[in-house]
């Protein structure tokens, strides 16, 4: 999976660098959407690799809402660092059906987002390749599950 702004989409190097800085500096979903709209207005349809940049920043923002100091996504698992769950939060996530493991001493929360085989590419073994949109959706579901009146980080 690639995430960058290609020269054939944004011809001017300074503009490409500016886009990267603005995406990385976005502090909420509205700012990301404004950047996305501006890109469409100035350069046309946004290519997938640029959408990936926007989605990656959205994932960082969502992880930040949960209090995560780090986020790693590799081999189908999402690791959120500096997260500690209490018993009520664990129960909320379990009842919501999330696949996760919490390592309290390491302050690490590991999730396995559900992949849609139809929407994501399958590898040669038939396992789904979990895309950024699935990770983003999983974080939305986790945040919705955790931020109830009875469960707060």
N, C-alpha and C. Protein backbone atom coordinates (compact mmCIF):
# COMPACT_ATOMS: atom_id res chain seq x y z
N UNK A 1 0.85 -1.16 0.00
CA UNK A 1 0.00 0.00 0.00
C UNK A 1 0.90 1.23 0.00
N UNK A 2 0.60 2.14 -0.88
CA UNK A 2 1.41 3.34 -1.02
C UNK A 2 0.61 4.56 -0.61
N UNK A 3 1.33 5.56 -0.08
CA UNK A 3 0.70 6.81 0.33
C UNK A 3 1.66 7.95 0.01
N UNK A 4 1.33 8.71 -1.03
CA UNK A 4 2.15 9.84 -1.43
C UNK A 4 1.35 10.69 -2.41
N UNK A 5 1.91 11.84 -2.76
CA UNK A 5 1.27 12.67 -3.78
C UNK A 5 2.14 12.61 -5.03
N UNK A 6 1.66 11.96 -6.07
CA UNK A 6 2.47 11.74 -7.28
C UNK A 6 2.65 13.01 -8.11
N UNK A 7 3.77 13.05 -8.81
CA UNK A 7 4.10 14.20 -9.65
C UNK A 7 3.12 14.37 -10.80
N UNK A 8 2.53 13.28 -11.26
CA UNK A 8 1.56 13.43 -12.36
C UNK A 8 0.21 13.95 -11.87
N UNK A 9 0.00 13.99 -10.55
CA UNK A 9 -1.22 14.56 -9.99
C UNK A 9 -0.98 16.01 -9.56
N UNK A 10 0.12 16.25 -8.83
CA UNK A 10 0.49 17.59 -8.41
C UNK A 10 1.87 17.87 -9.01
N UNK A 11 1.91 18.55 -10.15
CA UNK A 11 3.17 18.71 -10.89
C UNK A 11 4.25 19.52 -10.15
N UNK A 12 3.87 20.50 -9.39
CA UNK A 12 4.83 21.37 -8.72
C UNK A 12 5.31 20.72 -7.41
N UNK A 13 6.63 20.55 -7.30
CA UNK A 13 7.19 19.89 -6.12
C UNK A 13 6.85 20.63 -4.83
N UNK A 14 6.92 21.96 -4.86
CA UNK A 14 6.60 22.74 -3.66
C UNK A 14 5.15 22.52 -3.22
N UNK A 15 4.25 22.41 -4.19
CA UNK A 15 2.85 22.14 -3.87
C UNK A 15 2.68 20.75 -3.26
N UNK A 16 3.42 19.76 -3.79
CA UNK A 16 3.35 18.39 -3.23
C UNK A 16 3.82 18.39 -1.79
N UNK A 17 4.93 19.07 -1.52
CA UNK A 17 5.45 19.14 -0.16
C UNK A 17 4.45 19.83 0.75
N UNK A 18 3.85 20.91 0.27
CA UNK A 18 2.84 21.64 1.04
C UNK A 18 1.66 20.73 1.38
N UNK A 19 1.22 19.95 0.42
CA UNK A 19 0.10 19.03 0.66
C UNK A 19 0.45 18.04 1.76
N UNK A 20 1.65 17.48 1.72
CA UNK A 20 2.08 16.54 2.76
C UNK A 20 2.09 17.21 4.13
N UNK A 21 2.61 18.43 4.20
CA UNK A 21 2.66 19.14 5.48
C UNK A 21 1.27 19.45 5.99
N UNK A 22 0.39 19.87 5.10
CA UNK A 22 -0.97 20.21 5.52
C UNK A 22 -1.73 18.98 6.00
N UNK A 23 -1.55 17.86 5.31
CA UNK A 23 -2.22 16.63 5.74
C UNK A 23 -1.70 16.22 7.11
N UNK A 24 -0.37 16.22 7.28
CA UNK A 24 0.22 15.83 8.56
C UNK A 24 -0.17 16.78 9.69
N UNK A 25 -0.45 18.05 9.34
CA UNK A 25 -0.81 19.03 10.35
C UNK A 25 -2.29 19.12 10.65
N UNK A 26 -3.11 18.41 9.89
CA UNK A 26 -4.56 18.45 10.12
C UNK A 26 -4.88 17.88 11.50
N UNK A 27 -5.72 18.59 12.24
CA UNK A 27 -6.03 18.18 13.60
C UNK A 27 -7.45 17.67 13.81
N UNK A 28 -8.22 17.61 12.72
CA UNK A 28 -9.56 17.03 12.83
C UNK A 28 -10.04 16.59 11.45
N UNK A 29 -11.13 15.85 11.45
CA UNK A 29 -11.68 15.29 10.21
C UNK A 29 -12.13 16.39 9.25
N UNK A 30 -12.63 17.51 9.80
CA UNK A 30 -13.07 18.60 8.95
C UNK A 30 -11.91 19.19 8.15
N UNK A 31 -10.75 19.32 8.79
CA UNK A 31 -9.57 19.84 8.09
C UNK A 31 -9.14 18.89 6.98
N UNK A 32 -9.20 17.59 7.24
CA UNK A 32 -8.84 16.61 6.22
C UNK A 32 -9.82 16.67 5.05
N UNK A 33 -11.09 16.81 5.35
CA UNK A 33 -12.09 16.91 4.28
C UNK A 33 -11.90 18.18 3.47
N UNK A 34 -11.53 19.28 4.12
CA UNK A 34 -11.27 20.53 3.40
C UNK A 34 -10.08 20.39 2.46
N UNK A 35 -9.04 19.68 2.91
CA UNK A 35 -7.87 19.42 2.06
C UNK A 35 -8.29 18.56 0.87
N UNK A 36 -9.07 17.54 1.13
CA UNK A 36 -9.55 16.64 0.07
C UNK A 36 -10.34 17.42 -0.97
N UNK A 37 -11.25 18.28 -0.52
CA UNK A 37 -12.05 19.09 -1.45
C UNK A 37 -11.17 20.04 -2.26
N UNK A 38 -10.19 20.66 -1.59
CA UNK A 38 -9.30 21.57 -2.29
C UNK A 38 -8.49 20.83 -3.36
N UNK A 39 -8.02 19.64 -3.03
CA UNK A 39 -7.26 18.85 -4.01
C UNK A 39 -8.13 18.53 -5.23
N UNK A 40 -9.39 18.14 -4.98
CA UNK A 40 -10.29 17.85 -6.10
C UNK A 40 -10.53 19.08 -6.96
N UNK A 41 -10.70 20.23 -6.31
CA UNK A 41 -10.93 21.47 -7.06
C UNK A 41 -9.72 21.87 -7.89
N UNK A 42 -8.53 21.75 -7.32
CA UNK A 42 -7.31 22.22 -7.99
C UNK A 42 -6.74 21.24 -9.00
N UNK A 43 -6.81 19.92 -8.66
CA UNK A 43 -6.08 18.94 -9.47
C UNK A 43 -6.96 17.83 -10.05
N UNK A 44 -8.22 17.80 -9.72
CA UNK A 44 -9.11 16.77 -10.24
C UNK A 44 -9.29 15.63 -9.25
N UNK A 45 -9.81 14.51 -9.76
CA UNK A 45 -10.09 13.36 -8.90
C UNK A 45 -8.84 12.95 -8.11
N UNK A 46 -9.02 12.69 -6.83
CA UNK A 46 -7.91 12.36 -5.94
C UNK A 46 -7.53 10.89 -6.15
N UNK A 47 -6.26 10.63 -6.51
CA UNK A 47 -5.84 9.23 -6.71
C UNK A 47 -5.79 8.46 -5.38
N UNK A 48 -5.84 7.15 -5.47
CA UNK A 48 -5.84 6.30 -4.29
C UNK A 48 -4.66 6.56 -3.36
N UNK A 49 -3.48 6.79 -3.92
CA UNK A 49 -2.30 7.00 -3.08
C UNK A 49 -2.42 8.26 -2.23
N UNK A 50 -3.11 9.27 -2.74
CA UNK A 50 -3.34 10.49 -1.96
C UNK A 50 -4.46 10.24 -0.94
N UNK A 51 -5.48 9.50 -1.35
CA UNK A 51 -6.53 9.10 -0.39
C UNK A 51 -5.92 8.34 0.78
N UNK A 52 -4.91 7.50 0.49
CA UNK A 52 -4.23 6.76 1.56
C UNK A 52 -3.57 7.70 2.55
N UNK A 53 -2.95 8.78 2.06
CA UNK A 53 -2.35 9.78 2.95
C UNK A 53 -3.40 10.37 3.88
N UNK A 54 -4.53 10.75 3.30
CA UNK A 54 -5.61 11.34 4.09
C UNK A 54 -6.15 10.34 5.12
N UNK A 55 -6.32 9.11 4.70
CA UNK A 55 -6.85 8.08 5.61
C UNK A 55 -5.86 7.78 6.73
N UNK A 56 -4.57 7.76 6.42
CA UNK A 56 -3.57 7.51 7.46
C UNK A 56 -3.61 8.61 8.52
N UNK A 57 -3.78 9.86 8.12
CA UNK A 57 -3.88 10.93 9.11
C UNK A 57 -5.17 10.80 9.91
N UNK A 58 -6.24 10.39 9.27
CA UNK A 58 -7.50 10.16 9.98
C UNK A 58 -7.33 9.08 11.05
N UNK A 59 -6.60 8.03 10.71
CA UNK A 59 -6.33 6.95 11.67
C UNK A 59 -5.53 7.50 12.85
N UNK A 60 -4.52 8.32 12.58
CA UNK A 60 -3.72 8.91 13.66
C UNK A 60 -4.61 9.75 14.58
N UNK A 61 -5.52 10.52 13.99
CA UNK A 61 -6.40 11.36 14.79
C UNK A 61 -7.31 10.51 15.67
N UNK A 62 -7.86 9.45 15.11
CA UNK A 62 -8.76 8.58 15.87
C UNK A 62 -8.01 7.89 17.01
N UNK A 63 -6.79 7.45 16.74
CA UNK A 63 -5.98 6.81 17.78
C UNK A 63 -5.67 7.81 18.89
N UNK A 64 -5.44 9.06 18.51
CA UNK A 64 -5.18 10.11 19.49
C UNK A 64 -6.37 10.35 20.41
N UNK A 65 -7.58 10.26 19.85
CA UNK A 65 -8.79 10.41 20.67
C UNK A 65 -8.82 9.35 21.76
N UNK A 66 -8.32 8.17 21.44
CA UNK A 66 -8.30 7.09 22.42
C UNK A 66 -7.15 7.24 23.41
N UNK A 67 -6.25 8.20 23.16
CA UNK A 67 -5.13 8.41 24.06
C UNK A 67 -3.88 7.67 23.64
N UNK A 68 -3.88 7.08 22.47
CA UNK A 68 -2.72 6.31 22.02
C UNK A 68 -1.56 7.23 21.70
N UNK A 69 -0.38 6.84 22.14
CA UNK A 69 0.82 7.61 21.82
C UNK A 69 1.51 7.04 20.59
N UNK A 70 1.14 5.82 20.22
CA UNK A 70 1.70 5.22 19.01
C UNK A 70 0.66 4.30 18.38
N UNK A 71 0.80 4.13 17.08
CA UNK A 71 -0.11 3.25 16.36
C UNK A 71 0.71 2.50 15.31
N UNK A 72 0.52 1.20 15.28
CA UNK A 72 1.23 0.36 14.32
C UNK A 72 0.22 -0.58 13.70
N UNK A 73 0.26 -0.68 12.39
CA UNK A 73 -0.60 -1.63 11.70
C UNK A 73 0.27 -2.52 10.83
N UNK A 74 0.29 -3.79 11.14
CA UNK A 74 1.12 -4.72 10.39
C UNK A 74 0.52 -6.11 10.47
N UNK A 75 0.55 -6.79 9.36
CA UNK A 75 0.10 -8.19 9.28
C UNK A 75 -1.30 -8.38 9.85
N UNK A 76 -2.18 -7.43 9.54
CA UNK A 76 -3.58 -7.57 9.93
C UNK A 76 -3.89 -7.23 11.37
N UNK A 77 -2.93 -6.70 12.11
CA UNK A 77 -3.23 -6.32 13.49
C UNK A 77 -2.87 -4.86 13.73
N UNK A 78 -3.66 -4.23 14.55
CA UNK A 78 -3.53 -2.82 14.87
C UNK A 78 -3.11 -2.72 16.33
N UNK A 79 -1.94 -2.12 16.57
CA UNK A 79 -1.43 -1.96 17.93
C UNK A 79 -1.50 -0.50 18.33
N UNK A 80 -2.12 -0.25 19.47
CA UNK A 80 -2.23 1.10 20.02
C UNK A 80 -1.41 1.14 21.30
N UNK A 81 -0.39 2.01 21.32
CA UNK A 81 0.48 2.11 22.49
C UNK A 81 -0.01 3.14 23.49
N UNK A 82 0.34 2.91 24.74
CA UNK A 82 0.02 3.79 25.85
C UNK A 82 -1.47 3.81 26.14
N UNK A 83 -2.10 2.66 26.03
CA UNK A 83 -3.53 2.51 26.32
C UNK A 83 -3.68 1.51 27.47
N UNK A 84 -4.46 1.87 28.44
CA UNK A 84 -4.77 0.95 29.53
C UNK A 84 -6.28 0.92 29.70
N UNK A 85 -6.84 -0.28 29.70
CA UNK A 85 -8.28 -0.45 29.84
C UNK A 85 -8.63 -0.88 31.26
N UNK A 86 -9.74 -0.36 31.75
CA UNK A 86 -10.24 -0.89 33.01
C UNK A 86 -11.22 -2.02 32.70
N UNK A 87 -11.73 -2.67 33.71
CA UNK A 87 -12.61 -3.82 33.52
C UNK A 87 -13.87 -3.48 32.73
N UNK A 88 -14.45 -2.32 33.00
CA UNK A 88 -15.68 -1.92 32.29
C UNK A 88 -15.40 -1.71 30.81
N UNK A 89 -14.27 -1.11 30.49
CA UNK A 89 -13.92 -0.89 29.09
C UNK A 89 -13.67 -2.21 28.36
N UNK A 90 -12.99 -3.12 29.02
CA UNK A 90 -12.76 -4.45 28.42
C UNK A 90 -14.10 -5.11 28.11
N UNK A 91 -15.01 -5.03 29.06
CA UNK A 91 -16.32 -5.64 28.88
C UNK A 91 -17.08 -5.01 27.72
N UNK A 92 -17.01 -3.69 27.61
CA UNK A 92 -17.68 -2.98 26.52
C UNK A 92 -17.14 -3.47 25.17
N UNK A 93 -15.81 -3.58 25.05
CA UNK A 93 -15.21 -4.04 23.79
C UNK A 93 -15.58 -5.49 23.50
N UNK A 94 -15.58 -6.33 24.53
CA UNK A 94 -15.96 -7.74 24.34
C UNK A 94 -17.41 -7.85 23.87
N UNK A 95 -18.30 -7.10 24.52
CA UNK A 95 -19.72 -7.15 24.16
C UNK A 95 -19.96 -6.61 22.76
N UNK A 96 -19.12 -5.68 22.32
CA UNK A 96 -19.25 -5.13 20.97
C UNK A 96 -18.69 -6.10 19.92
N UNK A 97 -18.05 -7.18 20.37
CA UNK A 97 -17.55 -8.19 19.44
C UNK A 97 -16.19 -7.91 18.85
N UNK A 98 -15.43 -6.98 19.44
CA UNK A 98 -14.09 -6.68 18.92
C UNK A 98 -13.11 -7.79 19.28
N UNK A 99 -12.24 -8.13 18.33
CA UNK A 99 -11.16 -9.08 18.60
C UNK A 99 -9.97 -8.26 19.07
N UNK A 100 -9.59 -8.43 20.34
CA UNK A 100 -8.51 -7.63 20.89
C UNK A 100 -7.81 -8.36 22.03
N UNK A 101 -6.62 -7.88 22.35
CA UNK A 101 -5.89 -8.32 23.53
C UNK A 101 -5.31 -7.07 24.17
N UNK A 102 -5.41 -6.99 25.48
CA UNK A 102 -4.85 -5.86 26.21
C UNK A 102 -3.68 -6.36 27.04
N UNK A 103 -2.56 -5.63 26.95
CA UNK A 103 -1.38 -5.94 27.74
C UNK A 103 -1.17 -4.77 28.71
N UNK A 104 -1.77 -4.86 29.91
CA UNK A 104 -1.76 -3.71 30.83
C UNK A 104 -0.35 -3.25 31.24
N UNK A 105 0.56 -4.17 31.49
CA UNK A 105 1.89 -3.76 31.92
C UNK A 105 2.66 -3.03 30.82
N UNK A 106 2.39 -3.40 29.59
CA UNK A 106 3.05 -2.74 28.46
C UNK A 106 2.23 -1.57 27.94
N UNK A 107 1.01 -1.38 28.49
CA UNK A 107 0.07 -0.35 28.04
C UNK A 107 -0.16 -0.45 26.53
N UNK A 108 -0.42 -1.66 26.10
CA UNK A 108 -0.60 -1.95 24.67
C UNK A 108 -1.95 -2.61 24.45
N UNK A 109 -2.64 -2.13 23.44
CA UNK A 109 -3.93 -2.68 23.05
C UNK A 109 -3.80 -3.14 21.61
N UNK A 110 -4.09 -4.41 21.34
CA UNK A 110 -3.94 -4.98 20.01
C UNK A 110 -5.31 -5.41 19.51
N UNK A 111 -5.64 -4.97 18.29
CA UNK A 111 -6.91 -5.31 17.65
C UNK A 111 -6.65 -6.04 16.35
N UNK A 112 -7.58 -6.88 15.98
CA UNK A 112 -7.60 -7.52 14.67
C UNK A 112 -8.87 -7.08 13.97
N UNK A 113 -8.76 -6.00 13.16
CA UNK A 113 -9.96 -5.50 12.47
C UNK A 113 -10.54 -6.56 11.56
N UNK A 114 -11.85 -6.59 11.50
CA UNK A 114 -12.53 -7.52 10.60
C UNK A 114 -12.33 -7.06 9.17
N UNK A 115 -11.94 -7.97 8.30
CA UNK A 115 -11.73 -7.63 6.90
C UNK A 115 -12.92 -8.10 6.08
N UNK A 116 -13.28 -7.29 5.14
CA UNK A 116 -14.31 -7.67 4.20
C UNK A 116 -13.62 -8.22 2.96
N UNK A 117 -13.76 -9.51 2.70
CA UNK A 117 -13.08 -10.13 1.56
C UNK A 117 -13.56 -9.51 0.27
N UNK A 118 -14.82 -9.08 0.22
CA UNK A 118 -15.35 -8.45 -1.00
C UNK A 118 -14.68 -7.11 -1.23
N UNK A 119 -14.51 -6.32 -0.17
CA UNK A 119 -13.99 -4.98 -0.31
C UNK A 119 -12.47 -4.90 -0.29
N UNK A 120 -11.81 -5.91 0.21
CA UNK A 120 -10.35 -5.89 0.30
C UNK A 120 -9.78 -7.00 -0.55
N UNK A 121 -8.58 -6.80 -1.03
CA UNK A 121 -7.92 -7.81 -1.86
C UNK A 121 -7.58 -9.02 -1.01
N UNK A 122 -7.73 -10.18 -1.57
CA UNK A 122 -7.37 -11.41 -0.87
C UNK A 122 -6.02 -11.87 -1.36
N UNK A 123 -5.19 -12.38 -0.43
CA UNK A 123 -3.88 -12.87 -0.84
C UNK A 123 -4.02 -14.28 -1.42
N UNK A 124 -2.90 -14.89 -1.80
CA UNK A 124 -2.96 -16.20 -2.46
C UNK A 124 -3.51 -17.29 -1.56
N UNK A 125 -3.52 -17.08 -0.24
CA UNK A 125 -4.07 -18.06 0.68
C UNK A 125 -5.55 -17.81 0.97
N UNK A 126 -6.10 -16.76 0.35
CA UNK A 126 -7.51 -16.45 0.56
C UNK A 126 -7.76 -15.52 1.73
N UNK A 127 -6.69 -15.16 2.46
CA UNK A 127 -6.87 -14.25 3.59
C UNK A 127 -7.04 -12.84 3.05
N UNK A 128 -7.90 -12.08 3.69
CA UNK A 128 -8.15 -10.71 3.21
C UNK A 128 -7.00 -9.79 3.59
N UNK A 129 -6.69 -8.88 2.70
CA UNK A 129 -5.71 -7.83 2.96
C UNK A 129 -6.49 -6.66 3.55
N UNK A 130 -6.32 -6.44 4.84
CA UNK A 130 -7.09 -5.41 5.52
C UNK A 130 -6.57 -4.05 5.10
N UNK A 131 -7.43 -3.25 4.49
CA UNK A 131 -7.03 -1.93 4.01
C UNK A 131 -7.20 -0.85 5.05
N UNK A 132 -6.73 0.33 4.71
CA UNK A 132 -6.80 1.47 5.62
C UNK A 132 -8.24 1.81 5.98
N UNK A 133 -9.16 1.66 5.04
CA UNK A 133 -10.56 1.99 5.33
C UNK A 133 -11.12 1.05 6.40
N UNK A 134 -10.69 -0.21 6.40
CA UNK A 134 -11.15 -1.16 7.42
C UNK A 134 -10.58 -0.77 8.78
N UNK A 135 -9.30 -0.37 8.82
CA UNK A 135 -8.68 0.06 10.07
C UNK A 135 -9.40 1.30 10.61
N UNK A 136 -9.68 2.24 9.71
CA UNK A 136 -10.38 3.47 10.10
C UNK A 136 -11.77 3.14 10.66
N UNK A 137 -12.48 2.25 9.99
CA UNK A 137 -13.80 1.83 10.47
C UNK A 137 -13.72 1.11 11.80
N UNK A 138 -12.68 0.29 11.98
CA UNK A 138 -12.51 -0.41 13.25
C UNK A 138 -12.27 0.57 14.38
N UNK A 139 -11.44 1.58 14.13
CA UNK A 139 -11.21 2.60 15.16
C UNK A 139 -12.49 3.35 15.50
N UNK A 140 -13.30 3.66 14.49
CA UNK A 140 -14.59 4.30 14.75
C UNK A 140 -15.44 3.44 15.67
N UNK A 141 -15.50 2.14 15.37
CA UNK A 141 -16.31 1.23 16.18
C UNK A 141 -15.75 1.12 17.60
N UNK A 142 -14.43 1.09 17.73
CA UNK A 142 -13.81 1.00 19.05
C UNK A 142 -14.11 2.26 19.85
N UNK A 143 -13.95 3.41 19.22
CA UNK A 143 -14.23 4.68 19.90
C UNK A 143 -15.69 4.74 20.32
N UNK A 144 -16.60 4.34 19.40
CA UNK A 144 -18.03 4.32 19.74
C UNK A 144 -18.30 3.41 20.92
N UNK A 145 -17.61 2.26 20.95
CA UNK A 145 -17.80 1.30 22.04
C UNK A 145 -17.29 1.85 23.36
N UNK A 146 -16.13 2.49 23.32
CA UNK A 146 -15.49 2.93 24.57
C UNK A 146 -16.08 4.20 25.14
N UNK A 147 -16.47 5.13 24.30
CA UNK A 147 -16.91 6.40 24.80
C UNK A 147 -18.41 6.42 25.03
N UNK A 148 -18.81 5.57 25.93
CA UNK A 148 -20.19 5.54 26.42
C UNK A 148 -20.17 6.17 27.81
N UNK A 149 -21.32 6.53 28.36
CA UNK A 149 -21.31 7.16 29.69
C UNK A 149 -20.65 6.29 30.77
N UNK A 150 -20.61 4.97 30.59
CA UNK A 150 -20.05 4.11 31.62
C UNK A 150 -18.59 3.73 31.37
N UNK A 151 -18.08 4.01 30.18
CA UNK A 151 -16.70 3.60 29.88
C UNK A 151 -15.94 4.75 29.25
N UNK A 152 -14.94 5.22 29.95
CA UNK A 152 -14.09 6.29 29.42
C UNK A 152 -12.65 5.90 29.62
N UNK A 153 -11.79 6.37 28.70
CA UNK A 153 -10.35 6.10 28.83
C UNK A 153 -9.73 6.94 29.91
